[in-house]
């Protein structure tokens, strides 16, 4: 469900409320030791509002370390949810 990349990780499979805890745990193992993190959502097959919650959690974790999270290939429905909630400006792509 998660593959390491040189500066972050790539997600694969469903990212929903049912699977979110798996991603939280896996991210700890793949978080870059230094610099900003890049999270690639290209392999996500299904996503719901849990994806937004995870993005914001990872951003808070990074900010505590003085770093940022950059999101690639965020699913269109997650972007639509962010716009609906008025938080699309908080997702760094």
PDB file of N, CA and C in Angstrom:
ATOM      1  N   UNK A   1       0.803  -1.204   0.000  1.00  0.00           N
ATOM      2  CA  UNK A   1       0.000   0.000   0.000  1.00  0.00           C
ATOM      3  C   UNK A   1       0.846   1.268   0.000  1.00  0.00           C
ATOM      4  N   UNK A   2       2.120   1.137   0.348  1.00  0.00           N
ATOM      5  CA  UNK A   2       2.985   2.307   0.387  1.00  0.00           C
ATOM      6  C   UNK A   2       4.391   1.889  -0.035  1.00  0.00           C
ATOM      7  N   UNK A   3       4.947   2.634  -0.969  1.00  0.00           N
ATOM      8  CA  UNK A   3       6.297   2.364  -1.444  1.00  0.00           C
ATOM      9  C   UNK A   3       7.192   3.556  -1.113  1.00  0.00           C
ATOM     10  N   UNK A   4       8.386   3.315  -0.610  1.00  0.00           N
ATOM     11  CA  UNK A   4       9.286   4.445  -0.351  1.00  0.00           C
ATOM     12  C   UNK A   4       9.785   5.048  -1.655  1.00  0.00           C
ATOM     13  N   UNK A   5      10.014   6.345  -1.638  1.00  0.00           N
ATOM     14  CA  UNK A   5      10.626   7.071  -2.736  1.00  0.00           C
ATOM     15  C   UNK A   5      11.823   7.819  -2.140  1.00  0.00           C
ATOM     16  N   UNK A   6      12.677   8.402  -2.969  1.00  0.00           N
ATOM     17  CA  UNK A   6      13.859   9.075  -2.409  1.00  0.00           C
ATOM     18  C   UNK A   6      13.556  10.151  -1.366  1.00  0.00           C
ATOM     19  N   UNK A   7      12.426  10.840  -1.507  1.00  0.00           N
ATOM     20  CA  UNK A   7      12.129  11.920  -0.559  1.00  0.00           C
ATOM     21  C   UNK A   7      10.717  11.834   0.011  1.00  0.00           C
ATOM     22  N   UNK A   8      10.205  10.627   0.138  1.00  0.00           N
ATOM     23  CA  UNK A   8       8.874  10.451   0.691  1.00  0.00           C
ATOM     24  C   UNK A   8       8.342   9.070   0.412  1.00  0.00           C
ATOM     25  N   UNK A   9       7.093   9.016  -0.055  1.00  0.00           N
ATOM     26  CA  UNK A   9       6.492   7.725  -0.346  1.00  0.00           C
ATOM     27  C   UNK A   9       5.356   7.872  -1.345  1.00  0.00           C
ATOM     28  N   UNK A  10       5.037   6.747  -1.995  1.00  0.00           N
ATOM     29  CA  UNK A  10       3.942   6.670  -2.961  1.00  0.00           C
ATOM     30  C   UNK A  10       2.875   5.754  -2.383  1.00  0.00           C
ATOM     31  N   UNK A  11       1.644   6.199  -2.476  1.00  0.00           N
ATOM     32  CA  UNK A  11       0.520   5.445  -1.951  1.00  0.00           C
ATOM     33  C   UNK A  11      -0.099   4.605  -3.057  1.00  0.00           C
ATOM     34  N   UNK A  12      -0.655   3.458  -2.681  1.00  0.00           N
ATOM     35  CA  UNK A  12      -1.318   2.592  -3.653  1.00  0.00           C
ATOM     36  C   UNK A  12      -2.505   1.908  -2.990  1.00  0.00           C
ATOM     37  N   UNK A  13      -3.571   1.773  -3.745  1.00  0.00           N
ATOM     38  CA  UNK A  13      -4.769   1.119  -3.233  1.00  0.00           C
ATOM     39  C   UNK A  13      -5.761   2.118  -2.669  1.00  0.00           C
ATOM     40  N   UNK A  14      -6.782   1.631  -1.979  1.00  0.00           N
ATOM     41  CA  UNK A  14      -7.802   2.516  -1.428  1.00  0.00           C
ATOM     42  C   UNK A  14      -7.283   3.318  -0.236  1.00  0.00           C
ATOM     43  N   UNK A  15      -7.675   4.571  -0.196  1.00  0.00           N
ATOM     44  CA  UNK A  15      -7.340   5.459   0.924  1.00  0.00           C
ATOM     45  C   UNK A  15      -8.665   5.996   1.461  1.00  0.00           C
ATOM     46  N   UNK A  16      -9.245   5.220   2.366  1.00  0.00           N
ATOM     47  CA  UNK A  16     -10.565   5.521   2.904  1.00  0.00           C
ATOM     48  C   UNK A  16     -10.523   5.431   4.428  1.00  0.00           C
ATOM     49  N   UNK A  17     -11.633   5.730   5.026  1.00  0.00           N
ATOM     50  CA  UNK A  17     -11.711   5.645   6.484  1.00  0.00           C
ATOM     51  C   UNK A  17     -11.353   4.241   6.961  1.00  0.00           C
ATOM     52  N   UNK A  18     -11.644   3.236   6.155  1.00  0.00           N
ATOM     53  CA  UNK A  18     -11.355   1.851   6.536  1.00  0.00           C
ATOM     54  C   UNK A  18      -9.864   1.515   6.481  1.00  0.00           C
ATOM     55  N   UNK A  19      -9.101   2.247   5.666  1.00  0.00           N
ATOM     56  CA  UNK A  19      -7.676   1.935   5.490  1.00  0.00           C
ATOM     57  C   UNK A  19      -6.743   2.998   6.049  1.00  0.00           C
ATOM     58  N   UNK A  20      -7.266   4.090   6.522  1.00  0.00           N
ATOM     59  CA  UNK A  20      -6.436   5.232   6.936  1.00  0.00           C
ATOM     60  C   UNK A  20      -5.403   4.865   7.996  1.00  0.00           C
ATOM     61  N   UNK A  21      -5.775   4.050   8.962  1.00  0.00           N
ATOM     62  CA  UNK A  21      -4.828   3.726  10.033  1.00  0.00           C
ATOM     63  C   UNK A  21      -3.607   2.974   9.504  1.00  0.00           C
ATOM     64  N   UNK A  22      -3.775   2.178   8.463  1.00  0.00           N
ATOM     65  CA  UNK A  22      -2.652   1.466   7.849  1.00  0.00           C
ATOM     66  C   UNK A  22      -1.658   2.474   7.276  1.00  0.00           C
ATOM     67  N   UNK A  23      -2.173   3.519   6.645  1.00  0.00           N
ATOM     68  CA  UNK A  23      -1.308   4.544   6.062  1.00  0.00           C
ATOM     69  C   UNK A  23      -0.585   5.355   7.137  1.00  0.00           C
ATOM     70  N   UNK A  24      -1.250   5.616   8.237  1.00  0.00           N
ATOM     71  CA  UNK A  24      -0.613   6.357   9.329  1.00  0.00           C
ATOM     72  C   UNK A  24       0.590   5.574   9.834  1.00  0.00           C
ATOM     73  N   UNK A  25       0.391   4.304  10.092  1.00  0.00           N
ATOM     74  CA  UNK A  25       1.479   3.468  10.603  1.00  0.00           C
ATOM     75  C   UNK A  25       2.605   3.311   9.583  1.00  0.00           C
ATOM     76  N   UNK A  26       2.261   3.080   8.312  1.00  0.00           N
ATOM     77  CA  UNK A  26       3.274   2.876   7.271  1.00  0.00           C
ATOM     78  C   UNK A  26       4.079   4.147   7.017  1.00  0.00           C
ATOM     79  N   UNK A  27       3.447   5.299   7.128  1.00  0.00           N
ATOM     80  CA  UNK A  27       4.147   6.571   6.875  1.00  0.00           C
ATOM     81  C   UNK A  27       5.303   6.765   7.845  1.00  0.00           C
ATOM     82  N   UNK A  28       5.143   6.314   9.062  1.00  0.00           N
ATOM     83  CA  UNK A  28       6.222   6.459  10.049  1.00  0.00           C
ATOM     84  C   UNK A  28       7.503   5.785   9.565  1.00  0.00           C
ATOM     85  N   UNK A  29       7.360   4.653   8.919  1.00  0.00           N
ATOM     86  CA  UNK A  29       8.527   3.899   8.448  1.00  0.00           C
ATOM     87  C   UNK A  29       9.165   4.516   7.207  1.00  0.00           C
ATOM     88  N   UNK A  30       8.402   5.267   6.425  1.00  0.00           N
ATOM     89  CA  UNK A  30       8.887   5.789   5.151  1.00  0.00           C
ATOM     90  C   UNK A  30       9.128   7.298   5.150  1.00  0.00           C
ATOM     91  N   UNK A  31       8.945   7.945   6.288  1.00  0.00           N
ATOM     92  CA  UNK A  31       9.102   9.402   6.347  1.00  0.00           C
ATOM     93  C   UNK A  31      10.570   9.758   6.124  1.00  0.00           C
ATOM     94  N   UNK A  32      10.860  10.738   5.256  1.00  0.00           N
ATOM     95  CA  UNK A  32      12.270  11.099   5.028  1.00  0.00           C
ATOM     96  C   UNK A  32      12.921  11.641   6.299  1.00  0.00           C
ATOM     97  N   UNK A  33      14.182  11.318   6.477  1.00  0.00           N
ATOM     98  CA  UNK A  33      14.905  11.740   7.673  1.00  0.00           C
ATOM     99  C   UNK A  33      15.144  13.244   7.716  1.00  0.00           C
ATOM    100  N   UNK A  34      15.262  13.859   6.552  1.00  0.00           N
ATOM    101  CA  UNK A  34      15.468  15.310   6.497  1.00  0.00           C
ATOM    102  C   UNK A  34      14.818  15.868   5.238  1.00  0.00           C
ATOM    103  N   UNK A  35      14.610  17.169   5.229  1.00  0.00           N
ATOM    104  CA  UNK A  35      14.006  17.833   4.082  1.00  0.00           C
ATOM    105  C   UNK A  35      12.503  17.634   4.028  1.00  0.00           C
ATOM    106  N   UNK A  36      11.908  18.260   3.019  1.00  0.00           N
ATOM    107  CA  UNK A  36      10.464  18.162   2.829  1.00  0.00           C
ATOM    108  C   UNK A  36      10.092  16.764   2.350  1.00  0.00           C
ATOM    109  N   UNK A  37       8.859  16.382   2.613  1.00  0.00           N
ATOM    110  CA  UNK A  37       8.349  15.076   2.181  1.00  0.00           C
ATOM    111  C   UNK A  37       7.485  15.253   0.941  1.00  0.00           C
ATOM    112  N   UNK A  38       7.614  14.324   0.019  1.00  0.00           N
ATOM    113  CA  UNK A  38       6.770  14.298  -1.176  1.00  0.00           C
ATOM    114  C   UNK A  38       5.927  13.030  -1.099  1.00  0.00           C
ATOM    115  N   UNK A  39       4.612  13.215  -1.173  1.00  0.00           N
ATOM    116  CA  UNK A  39       3.687  12.091  -1.122  1.00  0.00           C
ATOM    117  C   UNK A  39       2.977  12.007  -2.465  1.00  0.00           C
ATOM    118  N   UNK A  40       3.121  10.865  -3.124  1.00  0.00           N
ATOM    119  CA  UNK A  40       2.537  10.653  -4.449  1.00  0.00           C
ATOM    120  C   UNK A  40       1.279   9.798  -4.318  1.00  0.00           C
ATOM    121  N   UNK A  41       0.160  10.355  -4.753  1.00  0.00           N
ATOM    122  CA  UNK A  41      -1.139   9.690  -4.656  1.00  0.00           C
ATOM    123  C   UNK A  41      -1.530   8.989  -5.958  1.00  0.00           C
ATOM    124  N   UNK A  42      -0.619   8.881  -6.924  1.00  0.00           N
ATOM    125  CA  UNK A  42      -0.949   8.339  -8.249  1.00  0.00           C
ATOM    126  C   UNK A  42      -1.536   6.938  -8.182  1.00  0.00           C
ATOM    127  N   UNK A  43      -1.116   6.134  -7.234  1.00  0.00           N
ATOM    128  CA  UNK A  43      -1.598   4.758  -7.149  1.00  0.00           C
ATOM    129  C   UNK A  43      -2.855   4.569  -6.324  1.00  0.00           C
ATOM    130  N   UNK A  44      -3.421   5.657  -5.826  1.00  0.00           N
ATOM    131  CA  UNK A  44      -4.638   5.552  -5.004  1.00  0.00           C
ATOM    132  C   UNK A  44      -5.814   5.204  -5.914  1.00  0.00           C
ATOM    133  N   UNK A  45      -6.510   4.135  -5.585  1.00  0.00           N
ATOM    134  CA  UNK A  45      -7.616   3.662  -6.416  1.00  0.00           C
ATOM    135  C   UNK A  45      -8.977   4.164  -5.955  1.00  0.00           C
ATOM    136  N   UNK A  46      -9.066   4.568  -4.716  1.00  0.00           N
ATOM    137  CA  UNK A  46     -10.314   5.067  -4.138  1.00  0.00           C
ATOM    138  C   UNK A  46      -9.932   5.965  -2.968  1.00  0.00           C
ATOM    139  N   UNK A  47     -10.634   7.089  -2.810  1.00  0.00           N
ATOM    140  CA  UNK A  47     -10.308   8.000  -1.718  1.00  0.00           C
ATOM    141  C   UNK A  47     -11.579   8.677  -1.220  1.00  0.00           C
ATOM    142  N   UNK A  48     -11.571   8.988   0.059  1.00  0.00           N
ATOM    143  CA  UNK A  48     -12.671   9.743   0.652  1.00  0.00           C
ATOM    144  C   UNK A  48     -12.082  10.825   1.555  1.00  0.00           C
ATOM    145  N   UNK A  49     -12.875  11.375   2.439  1.00  0.00           N
ATOM    146  CA  UNK A  49     -12.402  12.475   3.274  1.00  0.00           C
ATOM    147  C   UNK A  49     -11.256  12.067   4.200  1.00  0.00           C
ATOM    148  N   UNK A  50     -11.062  10.778   4.398  1.00  0.00           N
ATOM    149  CA  UNK A  50      -9.919  10.319   5.199  1.00  0.00           C
ATOM    150  C   UNK A  50      -8.607  10.738   4.541  1.00  0.00           C
ATOM    151  N   UNK A  51      -8.586  10.844   3.228  1.00  0.00           N
ATOM    152  CA  UNK A  51      -7.374  11.293   2.530  1.00  0.00           C
ATOM    153  C   UNK A  51      -7.024  12.713   2.953  1.00  0.00           C
ATOM    154  N   UNK A  52      -8.016  13.579   3.060  1.00  0.00           N
ATOM    155  CA  UNK A  52      -7.763  14.950   3.528  1.00  0.00           C
ATOM    156  C   UNK A  52      -7.246  14.945   4.959  1.00  0.00           C
ATOM    157  N   UNK A  53      -7.859  14.145   5.791  1.00  0.00           N
ATOM    158  CA  UNK A  53      -7.417  14.072   7.182  1.00  0.00           C
ATOM    159  C   UNK A  53      -5.960  13.635   7.271  1.00  0.00           C
ATOM    160  N   UNK A  54      -5.569  12.661   6.455  1.00  0.00           N
ATOM    161  CA  UNK A  54      -4.182  12.201   6.464  1.00  0.00           C
ATOM    162  C   UNK A  54      -3.235  13.276   5.951  1.00  0.00           C
ATOM    163  N   UNK A  55      -3.617  13.959   4.892  1.00  0.00           N
ATOM    164  CA  UNK A  55      -2.767  15.040   4.373  1.00  0.00           C
ATOM    165  C   UNK A  55      -2.515  16.071   5.466  1.00  0.00           C
ATOM    166  N   UNK A  56      -3.574  16.463   6.158  1.00  0.00           N
ATOM    167  CA  UNK A  56      -3.426  17.473   7.198  1.00  0.00           C
ATOM    168  C   UNK A  56      -2.629  16.949   8.387  1.00  0.00           C
ATOM    169  N   UNK A  57      -2.787  15.682   8.721  1.00  0.00           N
ATOM    170  CA  UNK A  57      -1.986  15.090   9.792  1.00  0.00           C
ATOM    171  C   UNK A  57      -0.515  15.108   9.425  1.00  0.00           C
ATOM    172  N   UNK A  58      -0.214  14.664   8.189  1.00  0.00           N
ATOM    173  CA  UNK A  58       1.184  14.641   7.751  1.00  0.00           C
ATOM    174  C   UNK A  58       1.763  16.054   7.682  1.00  0.00           C
ATOM    175  N   UNK A  59       0.944  17.034   7.308  1.00  0.00           N
ATOM    176  CA  UNK A  59       1.419  18.419   7.286  1.00  0.00           C
ATOM    177  C   UNK A  59       1.745  18.894   8.697  1.00  0.00           C
ATOM    178  N   UNK A  60       0.892  18.605   9.656  1.00  0.00           N
ATOM    179  CA  UNK A  60       1.156  18.999  11.049  1.00  0.00           C
ATOM    180  C   UNK A  60       2.438  18.339  11.561  1.00  0.00           C
ATOM    181  N   UNK A  61       2.601  17.051  11.266  1.00  0.00           N
ATOM    182  CA  UNK A  61       3.811  16.344  11.692  1.00  0.00           C
ATOM    183  C   UNK A  61       5.054  16.997  11.091  1.00  0.00           C
ATOM    184  N   UNK A  62       4.992  17.343   9.810  1.00  0.00           N
ATOM    185  CA  UNK A  62       6.136  17.965   9.129  1.00  0.00           C
ATOM    186  C   UNK A  62       6.418  19.351   9.702  1.00  0.00           C
ATOM    187  N   UNK A  63       5.363  20.135   9.937  1.00  0.00           N
ATOM    188  CA  UNK A  63       5.541  21.490  10.465  1.00  0.00           C
ATOM    189  C   UNK A  63       6.235  21.477  11.818  1.00  0.00           C
ATOM    190  N   UNK A  64       5.949  20.482  12.640  1.00  0.00           N
ATOM    191  CA  UNK A  64       6.617  20.368  13.940  1.00  0.00           C
ATOM    192  C   UNK A  64       8.121  20.207  13.779  1.00  0.00           C
ATOM    193  N   UNK A  65       8.544  19.686  12.638  1.00  0.00           N
ATOM    194  CA  UNK A  65       9.965  19.476  12.357  1.00  0.00           C
ATOM    195  C   UNK A  65      10.536  20.578  11.465  1.00  0.00           C
ATOM    196  N   UNK A  66       9.726  21.619  11.202  1.00  0.00           N
ATOM    197  CA  UNK A  66      10.171  22.719  10.348  1.00  0.00           C
ATOM    198  C   UNK A  66      10.223  22.357   8.879  1.00  0.00           C
ATOM    199  N   UNK A  67       9.423  21.410   8.468  1.00  0.00           N
ATOM    200  CA  UNK A  67       9.411  20.946   7.079  1.00  0.00           C
ATOM    201  C   UNK A  67       8.026  21.077   6.472  1.00  0.00           C
ATOM    202  N   UNK A  68       7.919  20.722   5.190  1.00  0.00           N
ATOM    203  CA  UNK A  68       6.644  20.781   4.474  1.00  0.00           C
ATOM    204  C   UNK A  68       6.354  19.443   3.829  1.00  0.00           C
ATOM    205  N   UNK A  69       5.088  19.288   3.441  1.00  0.00           N
ATOM    206  CA  UNK A  69       4.644  18.121   2.685  1.00  0.00           C
ATOM    207  C   UNK A  69       4.161  18.611   1.326  1.00  0.00           C
ATOM    208  N   UNK A  70       4.628  17.971   0.277  1.00  0.00           N
ATOM    209  CA  UNK A  70       4.187  18.270  -1.087  1.00  0.00           C
ATOM    210  C   UNK A  70       3.431  17.058  -1.608  1.00  0.00           C
ATOM    211  N   UNK A  71       2.225  17.289  -2.101  1.00  0.00           N
ATOM    212  CA  UNK A  71       1.369  16.195  -2.563  1.00  0.00           C
ATOM    213  C   UNK A  71       1.325  16.180  -4.088  1.00  0.00           C
ATOM    214  N   UNK A  72       1.550  15.003  -4.660  1.00  0.00           N
ATOM    215  CA  UNK A  72       1.493  14.821  -6.108  1.00  0.00           C
ATOM    216  C   UNK A  72       0.307  13.935  -6.472  1.00  0.00           C
ATOM    217  N   UNK A  73      -0.316  14.222  -7.598  1.00  0.00           N
ATOM    218  CA  UNK A  73      -1.383  13.385  -8.156  1.00  0.00           C
ATOM    219  C   UNK A  73      -2.523  13.142  -7.174  1.00  0.00           C
ATOM    220  N   UNK A  74      -2.905  14.174  -6.460  1.00  0.00           N
ATOM    221  CA  UNK A  74      -4.023  14.048  -5.515  1.00  0.00           C
ATOM    222  C   UNK A  74      -5.287  13.746  -6.326  1.00  0.00           C
ATOM    223  N   UNK A  75      -6.054  12.713  -5.953  1.00  0.00           N
ATOM    224  CA  UNK A  75      -7.264  12.368  -6.704  1.00  0.00           C
ATOM    225  C   UNK A  75      -8.222  13.548  -6.823  1.00  0.00           C
ATOM    226  N   UNK A  76      -8.873  13.625  -7.974  1.00  0.00           N
ATOM    227  CA  UNK A  76      -9.785  14.740  -8.256  1.00  0.00           C
ATOM    228  C   UNK A  76     -10.886  14.855  -7.209  1.00  0.00           C
ATOM    229  N   UNK A  77     -11.400  13.727  -6.726  1.00  0.00           N
ATOM    230  CA  UNK A  77     -12.476  13.820  -5.742  1.00  0.00           C
ATOM    231  C   UNK A  77     -11.974  14.361  -4.405  1.00  0.00           C
ATOM    232  N   UNK A  78     -10.707  14.150  -4.084  1.00  0.00           N
ATOM    233  CA  UNK A  78     -10.143  14.704  -2.847  1.00  0.00           C
ATOM    234  C   UNK A  78      -9.976  16.217  -2.998  1.00  0.00           C
ATOM    235  N   UNK A  79      -9.525  16.650  -4.162  1.00  0.00           N
ATOM    236  CA  UNK A  79      -9.441  18.096  -4.438  1.00  0.00           C
ATOM    237  C   UNK A  79     -10.830  18.713  -4.375  1.00  0.00           C
ATOM    238  N   UNK A  80     -11.839  18.028  -4.930  1.00  0.00           N
ATOM    239  CA  UNK A  80     -13.218  18.534  -4.892  1.00  0.00           C
ATOM    240  C   UNK A  80     -13.705  18.646  -3.449  1.00  0.00           C
ATOM    241  N   UNK A  81     -13.397  17.667  -2.620  1.00  0.00           N
ATOM    242  CA  UNK A  81     -13.773  17.748  -1.207  1.00  0.00           C
ATOM    243  C   UNK A  81     -13.081  18.922  -0.521  1.00  0.00           C
ATOM    244  N   UNK A  82     -11.802  19.107  -0.819  1.00  0.00           N
ATOM    245  CA  UNK A  82     -11.064  20.223  -0.224  1.00  0.00           C
ATOM    246  C   UNK A  82     -11.702  21.550  -0.612  1.00  0.00           C
ATOM    247  N   UNK A  83     -12.107  21.672  -1.879  1.00  0.00           N
ATOM    248  CA  UNK A  83     -12.777  22.905  -2.329  1.00  0.00           C
ATOM    249  C   UNK A  83     -14.117  23.073  -1.623  1.00  0.00           C
ATOM    250  N   UNK A  84     -14.860  21.988  -1.496  1.00  0.00           N
ATOM    251  CA  UNK A  84     -16.154  22.035  -0.816  1.00  0.00           C
ATOM    252  C   UNK A  84     -16.002  22.516   0.623  1.00  0.00           C
ATOM    253  N   UNK A  85     -14.957  22.039   1.298  1.00  0.00           N
ATOM    254  CA  UNK A  85     -14.713  22.416   2.690  1.00  0.00           C
ATOM    255  C   UNK A  85     -13.967  23.743   2.819  1.00  0.00           C
ATOM    256  N   UNK A  86     -13.524  24.308   1.689  1.00  0.00           N
ATOM    257  CA  UNK A  86     -12.814  25.579   1.722  1.00  0.00           C
ATOM    258  C   UNK A  86     -11.379  25.478   2.201  1.00  0.00           C
ATOM    259  N   UNK A  87     -10.747  24.305   2.016  1.00  0.00           N
ATOM    260  CA  UNK A  87      -9.389  24.095   2.510  1.00  0.00           C
ATOM    261  C   UNK A  87      -8.393  23.757   1.394  1.00  0.00           C
ATOM    262  N   UNK A  88      -8.792  23.943   0.138  1.00  0.00           N
ATOM    263  CA  UNK A  88      -7.914  23.548  -0.958  1.00  0.00           C
ATOM    264  C   UNK A  88      -6.571  24.290  -0.931  1.00  0.00           C
ATOM    265  N   UNK A  89      -6.543  25.491  -0.389  1.00  0.00           N
ATOM    266  CA  UNK A  89      -5.310  26.254  -0.287  1.00  0.00           C
ATOM    267  C   UNK A  89      -4.324  25.677   0.717  1.00  0.00           C
ATOM    268  N   UNK A  90      -4.793  24.753   1.535  1.00  0.00           N
ATOM    269  CA  UNK A  90      -3.911  24.156   2.536  1.00  0.00           C
ATOM    270  C   UNK A  90      -3.136  22.955   2.023  1.00  0.00           C
ATOM    271  N   UNK A  91      -3.501  22.473   0.835  1.00  0.00           N
ATOM    272  CA  UNK A  91      -2.812  21.323   0.253  1.00  0.00           C
ATOM    273  C   UNK A  91      -1.711  21.842  -0.663  1.00  0.00           C
ATOM    274  N   UNK A  92      -0.465  21.547  -0.314  1.00  0.00           N
ATOM    275  CA  UNK A  92       0.683  21.976  -1.108  1.00  0.00           C
ATOM    276  C   UNK A  92       0.969  20.928  -2.169  1.00  0.00           C
ATOM    277  N   UNK A  93       0.901  21.368  -3.417  1.00  0.00           N
ATOM    278  CA  UNK A  93       1.198  20.444  -4.522  1.00  0.00           C
ATOM    279  C   UNK A  93       2.475  20.825  -5.196  1.00  0.00           C
TER     280      UNK A  93
END
